[in-house]
Amino acid sequence: MASVLSPDGYVPATVRTSVKILVVGPFAVGKTTFVGTLSEIRPLRTEETMTQAGAVVDDLSGVRGKNTTTVAMDFGRLTLGDEVVLYLFGAPGQQRFTQMWKDLAFGALGALVLVDPVRLEESFDVMGLLEELGLPYAVAVNEFDGAPRFPEAELREALDLLPETRLVSCDARDRGSSARALISLVDYLFDPVRQEHS
């Protein structure tokens, strides 16, 4: 996935299509890292240090070394070829921010759901909300260091995915790996068969 960036940092004048993509998932799954890894511009981040006051609303069980949290959104941009630009919006993962990311979903073509292989059940609310909004999505399992690897069939069953839902693995810290996850979503969104049935 080659990014075409003009020398001044602006989107090239040849771009004819802009696509808004959501990057969603439960708390501490790697959304901020994913957007930052792919963005060709300095990403907008709204991370704040977590405080003791937040401990009563943010469940940190199963989370490794997390001391910041996104409080609004992450934003990045990726230009593809000469004619397409993707705008990436990373939404906060806690349930108390649900209304905010419903607002972020307005105008989005689709969403990439990042999931943690150790905390798969925490992805159900996110996918349920996307289905409620009628927003198509693909799923990317973020392979953290030391996380278990599961066969695709087991992951599909555990996540209760429809056969047509794209499922990939990625490392949100790696540009090539993250790009492949994003390509999977974009391919799905522009699949003529899916468009016929939507």
N, C-alpha and C. Protein backbone atom coordinates (compact mmCIF):
# COMPACT_ATOMS: atom_id res chain seq x y z
N MET A 1 0.86 -1.16 0.00
CA MET A 1 0.00 0.00 0.00
C MET A 1 0.90 1.22 0.00
N ALA A 2 1.06 1.85 -1.14
CA ALA A 2 1.94 3.00 -1.24
C ALA A 2 1.16 4.28 -0.98
N SER A 3 1.68 5.10 -0.11
CA SER A 3 1.08 6.38 0.18
C SER A 3 1.71 7.42 -0.72
N VAL A 4 0.87 8.26 -1.34
CA VAL A 4 1.37 9.30 -2.21
C VAL A 4 1.13 10.63 -1.52
N LEU A 5 2.19 11.21 -0.99
CA LEU A 5 2.07 12.44 -0.22
C LEU A 5 2.78 13.56 -0.96
N SER A 6 2.09 14.69 -1.13
CA SER A 6 2.72 15.83 -1.80
C SER A 6 3.81 16.39 -0.89
N PRO A 7 4.79 17.10 -1.48
CA PRO A 7 5.91 17.62 -0.68
C PRO A 7 5.47 18.55 0.45
N ASP A 8 4.34 19.26 0.27
CA ASP A 8 3.88 20.19 1.30
C ASP A 8 2.96 19.54 2.33
N GLY A 9 2.71 18.23 2.19
CA GLY A 9 1.89 17.52 3.16
C GLY A 9 0.40 17.54 2.85
N TYR A 10 0.00 18.24 1.80
CA TYR A 10 -1.42 18.30 1.44
C TYR A 10 -1.79 17.12 0.56
N VAL A 11 -3.08 16.85 0.49
CA VAL A 11 -3.57 15.79 -0.40
C VAL A 11 -3.33 16.23 -1.84
N PRO A 12 -2.81 15.35 -2.70
CA PRO A 12 -2.56 15.73 -4.10
C PRO A 12 -3.84 16.20 -4.80
N ALA A 13 -3.71 17.12 -5.74
CA ALA A 13 -4.86 17.67 -6.46
C ALA A 13 -5.56 16.61 -7.31
N THR A 14 -4.87 15.48 -7.56
CA THR A 14 -5.48 14.42 -8.37
C THR A 14 -6.50 13.58 -7.61
N VAL A 15 -6.53 13.71 -6.27
CA VAL A 15 -7.44 12.89 -5.46
C VAL A 15 -8.88 13.24 -5.79
N ARG A 16 -9.68 12.22 -6.11
CA ARG A 16 -11.08 12.39 -6.47
C ARG A 16 -12.03 11.74 -5.46
N THR A 17 -11.51 10.84 -4.64
CA THR A 17 -12.37 10.10 -3.70
C THR A 17 -11.78 10.16 -2.31
N SER A 18 -12.61 10.56 -1.35
CA SER A 18 -12.19 10.50 0.05
C SER A 18 -13.11 9.54 0.79
N VAL A 19 -12.53 8.73 1.66
CA VAL A 19 -13.27 7.69 2.36
C VAL A 19 -13.01 7.81 3.86
N LYS A 20 -14.08 7.86 4.62
CA LYS A 20 -13.97 7.91 6.08
C LYS A 20 -14.08 6.49 6.63
N ILE A 21 -13.10 6.10 7.41
CA ILE A 21 -13.04 4.76 8.00
C ILE A 21 -12.94 4.90 9.52
N LEU A 22 -13.76 4.13 10.24
CA LEU A 22 -13.64 4.09 11.69
C LEU A 22 -12.71 2.96 12.10
N VAL A 23 -11.93 3.20 13.13
CA VAL A 23 -11.13 2.15 13.76
C VAL A 23 -11.67 2.04 15.17
N VAL A 24 -12.34 0.91 15.46
CA VAL A 24 -13.04 0.76 16.73
C VAL A 24 -12.61 -0.54 17.41
N GLY A 25 -13.02 -0.67 18.65
CA GLY A 25 -12.70 -1.86 19.42
C GLY A 25 -12.77 -1.53 20.89
N PRO A 26 -12.64 -2.54 21.73
CA PRO A 26 -12.70 -2.30 23.17
C PRO A 26 -11.50 -1.50 23.67
N PHE A 27 -11.59 -1.09 24.89
CA PHE A 27 -10.54 -0.33 25.58
C PHE A 27 -9.21 -1.06 25.51
N ALA A 28 -8.14 -0.33 25.19
CA ALA A 28 -6.76 -0.83 25.24
C ALA A 28 -6.48 -1.94 24.25
N VAL A 29 -7.06 -1.87 23.06
CA VAL A 29 -6.84 -2.92 22.07
C VAL A 29 -5.81 -2.51 21.01
N GLY A 30 -5.41 -1.22 20.97
CA GLY A 30 -4.39 -0.80 20.03
C GLY A 30 -4.86 0.15 18.93
N LYS A 31 -6.00 0.79 19.11
CA LYS A 31 -6.55 1.67 18.07
C LYS A 31 -5.66 2.89 17.82
N THR A 32 -5.19 3.52 18.89
CA THR A 32 -4.33 4.69 18.76
C THR A 32 -3.03 4.32 18.04
N THR A 33 -2.47 3.19 18.41
CA THR A 33 -1.25 2.70 17.77
C THR A 33 -1.50 2.43 16.29
N PHE A 34 -2.62 1.77 15.96
CA PHE A 34 -2.95 1.42 14.59
C PHE A 34 -3.04 2.68 13.71
N VAL A 35 -3.80 3.68 14.17
CA VAL A 35 -3.96 4.91 13.39
C VAL A 35 -2.62 5.60 13.23
N GLY A 36 -1.84 5.68 14.30
CA GLY A 36 -0.54 6.33 14.24
C GLY A 36 0.44 5.61 13.33
N THR A 37 0.38 4.30 13.29
CA THR A 37 1.26 3.50 12.44
C THR A 37 1.01 3.77 10.98
N LEU A 38 -0.25 3.94 10.59
CA LEU A 38 -0.61 4.09 9.19
C LEU A 38 -0.64 5.52 8.69
N SER A 39 -0.82 6.47 9.58
CA SER A 39 -1.02 7.85 9.13
C SER A 39 0.22 8.44 8.48
N GLU A 40 0.02 9.08 7.33
CA GLU A 40 1.11 9.74 6.62
C GLU A 40 1.35 11.15 7.17
N ILE A 41 0.44 11.64 7.97
CA ILE A 41 0.60 12.93 8.63
C ILE A 41 0.76 12.67 10.13
N ARG A 42 1.19 13.67 10.84
CA ARG A 42 1.26 13.50 12.30
C ARG A 42 -0.16 13.28 12.81
N PRO A 43 -0.44 12.14 13.44
CA PRO A 43 -1.83 11.87 13.84
C PRO A 43 -2.28 12.77 14.98
N LEU A 44 -3.57 13.08 14.95
CA LEU A 44 -4.19 13.78 16.07
C LEU A 44 -4.49 12.73 17.13
N ARG A 45 -4.04 12.97 18.34
CA ARG A 45 -4.31 12.03 19.44
C ARG A 45 -4.90 12.82 20.60
N THR A 46 -5.86 12.21 21.27
CA THR A 46 -6.46 12.86 22.44
C THR A 46 -6.30 11.93 23.64
N GLU A 47 -5.09 11.46 23.84
CA GLU A 47 -4.81 10.56 24.97
C GLU A 47 -4.51 11.38 26.22
N GLU A 48 -5.06 10.92 27.31
CA GLU A 48 -4.82 11.55 28.61
C GLU A 48 -4.38 10.47 29.60
N THR A 49 -3.63 10.87 30.60
CA THR A 49 -3.19 9.94 31.64
C THR A 49 -4.38 9.49 32.46
N MET A 50 -4.46 8.21 32.70
CA MET A 50 -5.54 7.66 33.51
C MET A 50 -5.30 8.01 34.98
N THR A 51 -6.38 8.30 35.68
CA THR A 51 -6.27 8.67 37.09
C THR A 51 -6.97 7.65 37.96
N GLN A 52 -6.76 7.77 39.25
CA GLN A 52 -7.42 6.89 40.22
C GLN A 52 -8.93 7.03 40.13
N ALA A 53 -9.41 8.24 39.82
CA ALA A 53 -10.86 8.47 39.72
C ALA A 53 -11.48 7.63 38.61
N GLY A 54 -10.72 7.37 37.55
CA GLY A 54 -11.24 6.58 36.44
C GLY A 54 -11.29 5.09 36.72
N ALA A 55 -10.64 4.66 37.78
CA ALA A 55 -10.58 3.23 38.09
C ALA A 55 -11.96 2.63 38.35
N VAL A 56 -12.90 3.46 38.79
CA VAL A 56 -14.24 2.93 39.08
C VAL A 56 -15.05 2.70 37.81
N VAL A 57 -14.63 3.31 36.67
CA VAL A 57 -15.39 3.12 35.42
C VAL A 57 -14.61 2.39 34.35
N ASP A 58 -13.30 2.35 34.43
CA ASP A 58 -12.48 1.68 33.43
C ASP A 58 -11.93 0.38 33.99
N ASP A 59 -12.37 -0.73 33.40
CA ASP A 59 -11.92 -2.04 33.85
C ASP A 59 -10.54 -2.33 33.25
N LEU A 60 -9.53 -2.43 34.11
CA LEU A 60 -8.17 -2.66 33.64
C LEU A 60 -7.76 -4.13 33.69
N SER A 61 -8.69 -5.02 34.02
CA SER A 61 -8.33 -6.44 34.07
C SER A 61 -7.99 -6.94 32.67
N GLY A 62 -6.89 -7.64 32.57
CA GLY A 62 -6.44 -8.18 31.29
C GLY A 62 -5.69 -7.18 30.43
N VAL A 63 -5.49 -5.96 30.92
CA VAL A 63 -4.80 -4.93 30.17
C VAL A 63 -3.37 -4.81 30.69
N ARG A 64 -2.42 -4.83 29.76
CA ARG A 64 -1.01 -4.83 30.14
C ARG A 64 -0.39 -3.44 30.05
N GLY A 65 -0.01 -2.87 31.21
CA GLY A 65 0.75 -1.63 31.24
C GLY A 65 0.05 -0.42 30.67
N LYS A 66 -1.25 -0.33 30.76
CA LYS A 66 -2.00 0.78 30.20
C LYS A 66 -2.08 1.92 31.21
N ASN A 67 -1.59 3.12 30.83
CA ASN A 67 -1.69 4.25 31.75
C ASN A 67 -2.26 5.50 31.10
N THR A 68 -2.65 5.40 29.80
CA THR A 68 -3.32 6.50 29.12
C THR A 68 -4.58 5.97 28.45
N THR A 69 -5.49 6.88 28.11
CA THR A 69 -6.70 6.49 27.41
C THR A 69 -7.13 7.60 26.46
N THR A 70 -7.73 7.22 25.34
CA THR A 70 -8.25 8.19 24.38
C THR A 70 -9.55 8.74 24.93
N VAL A 71 -9.66 10.07 24.94
CA VAL A 71 -10.86 10.69 25.51
C VAL A 71 -11.74 11.35 24.46
N ALA A 72 -11.31 11.40 23.22
CA ALA A 72 -12.16 11.94 22.16
C ALA A 72 -12.01 11.08 20.91
N MET A 73 -10.87 11.18 20.23
CA MET A 73 -10.65 10.36 19.04
C MET A 73 -9.19 10.43 18.63
N ASP A 74 -8.83 9.54 17.73
CA ASP A 74 -7.56 9.62 17.03
C ASP A 74 -7.90 9.93 15.58
N PHE A 75 -7.04 10.64 14.89
CA PHE A 75 -7.30 10.96 13.49
C PHE A 75 -6.01 10.83 12.71
N GLY A 76 -6.09 10.17 11.56
CA GLY A 76 -4.96 10.05 10.67
C GLY A 76 -5.42 10.05 9.22
N ARG A 77 -4.46 10.15 8.32
CA ARG A 77 -4.79 10.20 6.89
C ARG A 77 -3.83 9.31 6.12
N LEU A 78 -4.36 8.63 5.11
CA LEU A 78 -3.54 7.78 4.25
C LEU A 78 -4.01 7.95 2.82
N THR A 79 -3.10 8.43 1.95
CA THR A 79 -3.43 8.63 0.54
C THR A 79 -3.02 7.39 -0.24
N LEU A 80 -3.95 6.86 -1.03
CA LEU A 80 -3.70 5.66 -1.82
C LEU A 80 -3.64 6.02 -3.29
N GLY A 81 -2.53 5.73 -3.93
CA GLY A 81 -2.41 6.05 -5.35
C GLY A 81 -2.57 7.55 -5.58
N ASP A 82 -3.11 7.90 -6.74
CA ASP A 82 -3.27 9.31 -7.08
C ASP A 82 -4.67 9.83 -6.81
N GLU A 83 -5.64 8.92 -6.53
CA GLU A 83 -7.03 9.36 -6.55
C GLU A 83 -7.83 9.12 -5.29
N VAL A 84 -7.30 8.37 -4.31
CA VAL A 84 -8.09 8.00 -3.13
C VAL A 84 -7.35 8.38 -1.86
N VAL A 85 -8.09 8.99 -0.93
CA VAL A 85 -7.53 9.29 0.38
C VAL A 85 -8.44 8.70 1.45
N LEU A 86 -7.84 8.03 2.42
CA LEU A 86 -8.59 7.46 3.54
C LEU A 86 -8.37 8.34 4.77
N TYR A 87 -9.48 8.69 5.43
CA TYR A 87 -9.42 9.41 6.69
C TYR A 87 -9.76 8.43 7.79
N LEU A 88 -8.84 8.21 8.70
CA LEU A 88 -8.99 7.21 9.75
C LEU A 88 -9.39 7.89 11.06
N PHE A 89 -10.50 7.44 11.62
CA PHE A 89 -10.99 7.97 12.89
C PHE A 89 -10.98 6.85 13.92
N GLY A 90 -10.11 6.95 14.91
CA GLY A 90 -10.07 5.97 15.99
C GLY A 90 -10.97 6.43 17.13
N ALA A 91 -11.89 5.57 17.52
CA ALA A 91 -12.87 5.91 18.56
C ALA A 91 -12.44 5.37 19.91
N PRO A 92 -12.77 6.08 21.00
CA PRO A 92 -12.46 5.57 22.33
C PRO A 92 -13.20 4.26 22.59
N GLY A 93 -12.61 3.39 23.41
CA GLY A 93 -13.16 2.07 23.58
C GLY A 93 -14.13 1.86 24.73
N GLN A 94 -14.13 2.75 25.71
CA GLN A 94 -15.00 2.54 26.87
C GLN A 94 -16.47 2.82 26.53
N GLN A 95 -17.35 2.10 27.20
CA GLN A 95 -18.78 2.25 26.93
C GLN A 95 -19.30 3.65 27.21
N ARG A 96 -18.66 4.36 28.13
CA ARG A 96 -19.13 5.71 28.44
C ARG A 96 -18.95 6.67 27.26
N PHE A 97 -18.15 6.26 26.24
CA PHE A 97 -17.95 7.10 25.06
C PHE A 97 -18.77 6.63 23.86
N THR A 98 -19.74 5.75 24.08
CA THR A 98 -20.51 5.18 22.97
C THR A 98 -21.17 6.25 22.12
N GLN A 99 -21.79 7.24 22.72
CA GLN A 99 -22.46 8.28 21.94
C GLN A 99 -21.46 9.03 21.07
N MET A 100 -20.27 9.25 21.59
CA MET A 100 -19.25 9.96 20.81
C MET A 100 -18.89 9.19 19.56
N TRP A 101 -18.72 7.88 19.70
CA TRP A 101 -18.31 7.17 18.49
C TRP A 101 -19.48 6.87 17.57
N LYS A 102 -20.70 6.93 18.08
CA LYS A 102 -21.86 6.93 17.17
C LYS A 102 -21.82 8.17 16.30
N ASP A 103 -21.46 9.30 16.91
CA ASP A 103 -21.33 10.55 16.16
C ASP A 103 -20.18 10.45 15.15
N LEU A 104 -19.08 9.84 15.55
CA LEU A 104 -17.95 9.67 14.64
C LEU A 104 -18.32 8.78 13.45
N ALA A 105 -19.28 7.88 13.64
CA ALA A 105 -19.68 6.95 12.58
C ALA A 105 -20.43 7.65 11.45
N PHE A 106 -20.96 8.84 11.71
CA PHE A 106 -21.72 9.55 10.69
C PHE A 106 -20.84 9.80 9.46
N GLY A 107 -21.28 9.33 8.31
CA GLY A 107 -20.54 9.52 7.07
C GLY A 107 -19.45 8.50 6.81
N ALA A 108 -19.23 7.58 7.73
CA ALA A 108 -18.19 6.56 7.53
C ALA A 108 -18.66 5.51 6.54
N LEU A 109 -17.75 5.02 5.72
CA LEU A 109 -18.08 3.97 4.76
C LEU A 109 -18.06 2.60 5.43
N GLY A 110 -17.22 2.45 6.46
CA GLY A 110 -17.11 1.17 7.15
C GLY A 110 -16.21 1.30 8.35
N ALA A 111 -16.00 0.18 9.03
CA ALA A 111 -15.20 0.18 10.26
C ALA A 111 -14.29 -1.04 10.29
N LEU A 112 -13.13 -0.84 10.89
CA LEU A 112 -12.24 -1.95 11.19
C LEU A 112 -12.30 -2.15 12.70
N VAL A 113 -12.70 -3.35 13.11
CA VAL A 113 -12.80 -3.68 14.53
C VAL A 113 -11.52 -4.38 14.95
N LEU A 114 -10.76 -3.75 15.85
CA LEU A 114 -9.58 -4.39 16.42
C LEU A 114 -10.01 -5.19 17.64
N VAL A 115 -9.53 -6.42 17.73
CA VAL A 115 -9.86 -7.25 18.89
C VAL A 115 -8.58 -7.80 19.52
N ASP A 116 -8.67 -8.04 20.81
CA ASP A 116 -7.59 -8.64 21.58
C ASP A 116 -7.89 -10.13 21.70
N PRO A 117 -6.98 -11.01 21.27
CA PRO A 117 -7.27 -12.45 21.32
C PRO A 117 -7.51 -12.98 22.73
N VAL A 118 -7.06 -12.25 23.75
CA VAL A 118 -7.26 -12.69 25.14
C VAL A 118 -8.60 -12.20 25.68
N ARG A 119 -9.16 -11.15 25.07
CA ARG A 119 -10.40 -10.55 25.56
C ARG A 119 -11.44 -10.46 24.44
N LEU A 120 -11.64 -11.55 23.72
CA LEU A 120 -12.54 -11.54 22.57
C LEU A 120 -13.95 -11.10 22.94
N GLU A 121 -14.43 -11.50 24.11
CA GLU A 121 -15.81 -11.21 24.51
C GLU A 121 -16.07 -9.71 24.63
N GLU A 122 -15.01 -8.92 24.81
CA GLU A 122 -15.19 -7.48 24.94
C GLU A 122 -15.49 -6.81 23.61
N SER A 123 -15.41 -7.56 22.51
CA SER A 123 -15.68 -7.02 21.18
C SER A 123 -17.15 -7.12 20.80
N PHE A 124 -17.94 -7.90 21.52
CA PHE A 124 -19.33 -8.12 21.14
C PHE A 124 -20.15 -6.83 21.12
N ASP A 125 -19.99 -5.99 22.15
CA ASP A 125 -20.77 -4.75 22.19
C ASP A 125 -20.43 -3.85 21.01
N VAL A 126 -19.16 -3.80 20.66
CA VAL A 126 -18.72 -2.96 19.54
C VAL A 126 -19.33 -3.45 18.24
N MET A 127 -19.23 -4.75 17.97
CA MET A 127 -19.79 -5.29 16.73
C MET A 127 -21.31 -5.15 16.71
N GLY A 128 -21.94 -5.34 17.87
CA GLY A 128 -23.39 -5.19 17.95
C GLY A 128 -23.82 -3.78 17.61
N LEU A 129 -23.06 -2.81 18.07
CA LEU A 129 -23.39 -1.41 17.79
C LEU A 129 -23.21 -1.10 16.31
N LEU A 130 -22.17 -1.63 15.69
CA LEU A 130 -21.96 -1.43 14.26
C LEU A 130 -23.12 -2.03 13.47
N GLU A 131 -23.56 -3.22 13.88
CA GLU A 131 -24.69 -3.86 13.19
C GLU A 131 -25.96 -3.04 13.37
N GLU A 132 -26.15 -2.50 14.56
CA GLU A 132 -27.31 -1.65 14.83
C GLU A 132 -27.29 -0.40 13.94
N LEU A 133 -26.10 0.14 13.70
CA LEU A 133 -25.95 1.33 12.85
C LEU A 133 -25.95 0.99 11.36
N GLY A 134 -25.89 -0.31 11.04
CA GLY A 134 -25.85 -0.73 9.64
C GLY A 134 -24.52 -0.42 8.96
N LEU A 135 -23.44 -0.36 9.75
CA LEU A 135 -22.13 -0.03 9.21
C LEU A 135 -21.33 -1.30 8.96
N PRO A 136 -20.95 -1.57 7.71
CA PRO A 136 -20.18 -2.79 7.43
C PRO A 136 -18.80 -2.73 8.09
N TYR A 137 -18.29 -3.90 8.44
CA TYR A 137 -17.00 -3.93 9.13
C TYR A 137 -16.22 -5.19 8.81
N ALA A 138 -14.91 -5.09 9.04
CA ALA A 138 -14.01 -6.24 9.03
C ALA A 138 -13.39 -6.31 10.41
N VAL A 139 -12.85 -7.48 10.75
CA VAL A 139 -12.27 -7.69 12.08
C VAL A 139 -10.78 -8.01 11.93
N ALA A 140 -9.97 -7.33 12.76
CA ALA A 140 -8.53 -7.59 12.78
C ALA A 140 -8.12 -7.96 14.20
N VAL A 141 -7.55 -9.13 14.35
CA VAL A 141 -7.05 -9.59 15.65
C VAL A 141 -5.66 -9.01 15.85
N ASN A 142 -5.52 -8.13 16.83
CA ASN A 142 -4.23 -7.49 17.09
C ASN A 142 -3.37 -8.44 17.90
N GLU A 143 -2.30 -8.91 17.29
CA GLU A 143 -1.45 -9.93 17.90
C GLU A 143 -0.39 -9.29 18.79
N PHE A 144 -0.76 -9.05 20.04
CA PHE A 144 0.17 -8.50 21.03
C PHE A 144 1.30 -9.49 21.30
N ASP A 145 2.40 -8.98 21.81
CA ASP A 145 3.51 -9.85 22.20
C ASP A 145 3.03 -10.86 23.24
N GLY A 146 3.31 -12.13 23.00
CA GLY A 146 2.95 -13.16 23.96
C GLY A 146 1.50 -13.58 23.93
N ALA A 147 0.69 -12.98 23.06
CA ALA A 147 -0.73 -13.35 22.99
C ALA A 147 -0.87 -14.69 22.29
N PRO A 148 -1.87 -15.49 22.68
CA PRO A 148 -2.05 -16.78 22.03
C PRO A 148 -2.53 -16.61 20.59
N ARG A 149 -2.19 -17.56 19.74
CA ARG A 149 -2.65 -17.56 18.34
C ARG A 149 -3.69 -18.66 18.21
N PHE A 150 -4.82 -18.33 17.59
CA PHE A 150 -5.89 -19.30 17.42
C PHE A 150 -6.18 -19.50 15.94
N PRO A 151 -6.60 -20.72 15.55
CA PRO A 151 -6.98 -20.94 14.15
C PRO A 151 -8.16 -20.04 13.77
N GLU A 152 -8.22 -19.66 12.50
CA GLU A 152 -9.28 -18.76 12.04
C GLU A 152 -10.67 -19.30 12.35
N ALA A 153 -10.88 -20.61 12.15
CA ALA A 153 -12.20 -21.18 12.39
C ALA A 153 -12.63 -20.99 13.85
N GLU A 154 -11.68 -21.16 14.78
CA GLU A 154 -12.01 -20.97 16.20
C GLU A 154 -12.34 -19.51 16.50
N LEU A 155 -11.58 -18.59 15.90
CA LEU A 155 -11.85 -17.17 16.10
C LEU A 155 -13.21 -16.78 15.55
N ARG A 156 -13.53 -17.28 14.36
CA ARG A 156 -14.83 -16.97 13.76
C ARG A 156 -15.98 -17.46 14.64
N GLU A 157 -15.81 -18.66 15.16
CA GLU A 157 -16.85 -19.21 16.02
C GLU A 157 -16.95 -18.42 17.33
N ALA A 158 -15.82 -18.10 17.93
CA ALA A 158 -15.82 -17.38 19.20
C ALA A 158 -16.40 -15.97 19.05
N LEU A 159 -16.17 -15.34 17.90
CA LEU A 159 -16.67 -13.99 17.65
C LEU A 159 -18.05 -14.00 16.99
N ASP A 160 -18.54 -15.20 16.65
CA ASP A 160 -19.85 -15.35 16.02
C ASP A 160 -19.96 -14.51 14.75
N LEU A 161 -18.96 -14.64 13.87
CA LEU A 161 -18.92 -13.85 12.64
C LEU A 161 -19.69 -14.52 11.52
N LEU A 162 -20.32 -13.71 10.68
CA LEU A 162 -20.95 -14.22 9.48
C LEU A 162 -19.86 -14.69 8.52
N PRO A 163 -20.17 -15.65 7.65
CA PRO A 163 -19.14 -16.17 6.74
C PRO A 163 -18.50 -15.09 5.87
N GLU A 164 -19.27 -14.06 5.50
CA GLU A 164 -18.73 -13.03 4.62
C GLU A 164 -17.91 -11.95 5.34
N THR A 165 -17.94 -11.94 6.67
CA THR A 165 -17.17 -10.94 7.41
C THR A 165 -15.69 -11.24 7.31
N ARG A 166 -14.92 -10.26 6.87
CA ARG A 166 -13.48 -10.45 6.73
C ARG A 166 -12.83 -10.52 8.11
N LEU A 167 -11.91 -11.47 8.27
CA LEU A 167 -11.17 -11.65 9.52
C LEU A 167 -9.69 -11.80 9.18
N VAL A 168 -8.87 -10.93 9.76
CA VAL A 168 -7.43 -10.97 9.53
C VAL A 168 -6.71 -10.82 10.87
N SER A 169 -5.44 -11.13 10.86
CA SER A 169 -4.59 -10.85 12.02
C SER A 169 -3.65 -9.71 11.65
N CYS A 170 -3.27 -8.94 12.65
CA CYS A 170 -2.33 -7.86 12.37
C CYS A 170 -1.53 -7.55 13.63
N ASP A 171 -0.48 -6.77 13.44
CA ASP A 171 0.28 -6.19 14.54
C ASP A 171 0.16 -4.69 14.34
N ALA A 172 -0.58 -4.02 15.21
CA ALA A 172 -0.87 -2.59 15.04
C ALA A 172 0.39 -1.73 15.04
N ARG A 173 1.51 -2.28 15.48
CA ARG A 173 2.77 -1.51 15.50
C ARG A 173 3.51 -1.57 14.18
N ASP A 174 3.08 -2.49 13.31
CA ASP A 174 3.78 -2.75 12.05
C ASP A 174 2.98 -2.17 10.88
N ARG A 175 3.60 -1.29 10.11
CA ARG A 175 2.89 -0.60 9.02
C ARG A 175 2.36 -1.58 7.96
N GLY A 176 3.19 -2.53 7.54
CA GLY A 176 2.76 -3.47 6.51
C GLY A 176 1.60 -4.33 6.99
N SER A 177 1.70 -4.83 8.21
CA SER A 177 0.65 -5.66 8.79
C SER A 177 -0.65 -4.87 8.94
N SER A 178 -0.56 -3.64 9.44
CA SER A 178 -1.74 -2.80 9.61
C SER A 178 -2.36 -2.45 8.25
N ALA A 179 -1.50 -2.20 7.26
CA ALA A 179 -2.00 -1.89 5.92
C ALA A 179 -2.79 -3.06 5.35
N ARG A 180 -2.31 -4.29 5.57
CA ARG A 180 -3.04 -5.46 5.06
C ARG A 180 -4.42 -5.58 5.70
N ALA A 181 -4.51 -5.25 6.99
CA ALA A 181 -5.82 -5.28 7.65
C ALA A 181 -6.75 -4.24 7.06
N LEU A 182 -6.22 -3.06 6.80
CA LEU A 182 -7.03 -2.00 6.21
C LEU A 182 -7.45 -2.35 4.79
N ILE A 183 -6.54 -2.93 4.02
CA ILE A 183 -6.86 -3.36 2.66
C ILE A 183 -8.00 -4.38 2.67
N SER A 184 -7.97 -5.29 3.65
CA SER A 184 -9.04 -6.28 3.77
C SER A 184 -10.40 -5.61 3.92
N LEU A 185 -10.45 -4.57 4.75
CA LEU A 185 -11.70 -3.84 4.93
C LEU A 185 -12.11 -3.12 3.65
N VAL A 186 -11.17 -2.40 3.03
CA VAL A 186 -11.49 -1.64 1.82
C VAL A 186 -11.94 -2.57 0.71
N ASP A 187 -11.28 -3.71 0.53
CA ASP A 187 -11.70 -4.70 -0.47
C ASP A 187 -13.13 -5.15 -0.20
N TYR A 188 -13.43 -5.39 1.06
CA TYR A 188 -14.78 -5.82 1.45
C TYR A 188 -15.82 -4.73 1.14
N LEU A 189 -15.48 -3.48 1.46
CA LEU A 189 -16.42 -2.38 1.24
C LEU A 189 -16.73 -2.18 -0.23
N PHE A 190 -15.72 -2.42 -1.09
CA PHE A 190 -15.92 -2.20 -2.52
C PHE A 190 -16.21 -3.48 -3.29
N ASP A 191 -16.46 -4.57 -2.57
CA ASP A 191 -16.81 -5.85 -3.20
C ASP A 191 -18.16 -5.71 -3.89
N PRO A 192 -18.23 -5.91 -5.21
CA PRO A 192 -19.50 -5.73 -5.93
C PRO A 192 -20.62 -6.64 -5.40
N VAL A 193 -20.28 -7.86 -4.98
CA VAL A 193 -21.30 -8.78 -4.46
C VAL A 193 -21.91 -8.22 -3.18
N ARG A 194 -21.06 -7.68 -2.26
CA ARG A 194 -21.57 -7.10 -1.03
C ARG A 194 -22.44 -5.89 -1.34
N GLN A 195 -22.01 -5.06 -2.29
CA GLN A 195 -22.76 -3.86 -2.64
C GLN A 195 -24.13 -4.20 -3.22
N GLU A 196 -24.20 -5.30 -3.95
CA GLU A 196 -25.48 -5.74 -4.52
C GLU A 196 -26.49 -6.06 -3.43
N HIS A 197 -26.01 -6.65 -2.31
CA HIS A 197 -26.90 -7.13 -1.26
C HIS A 197 -27.08 -6.13 -0.11
N SER A 198 -26.41 -4.96 -0.20
CA SER A 198 -26.53 -4.01 0.90
C SER A 198 -27.64 -2.99 0.63
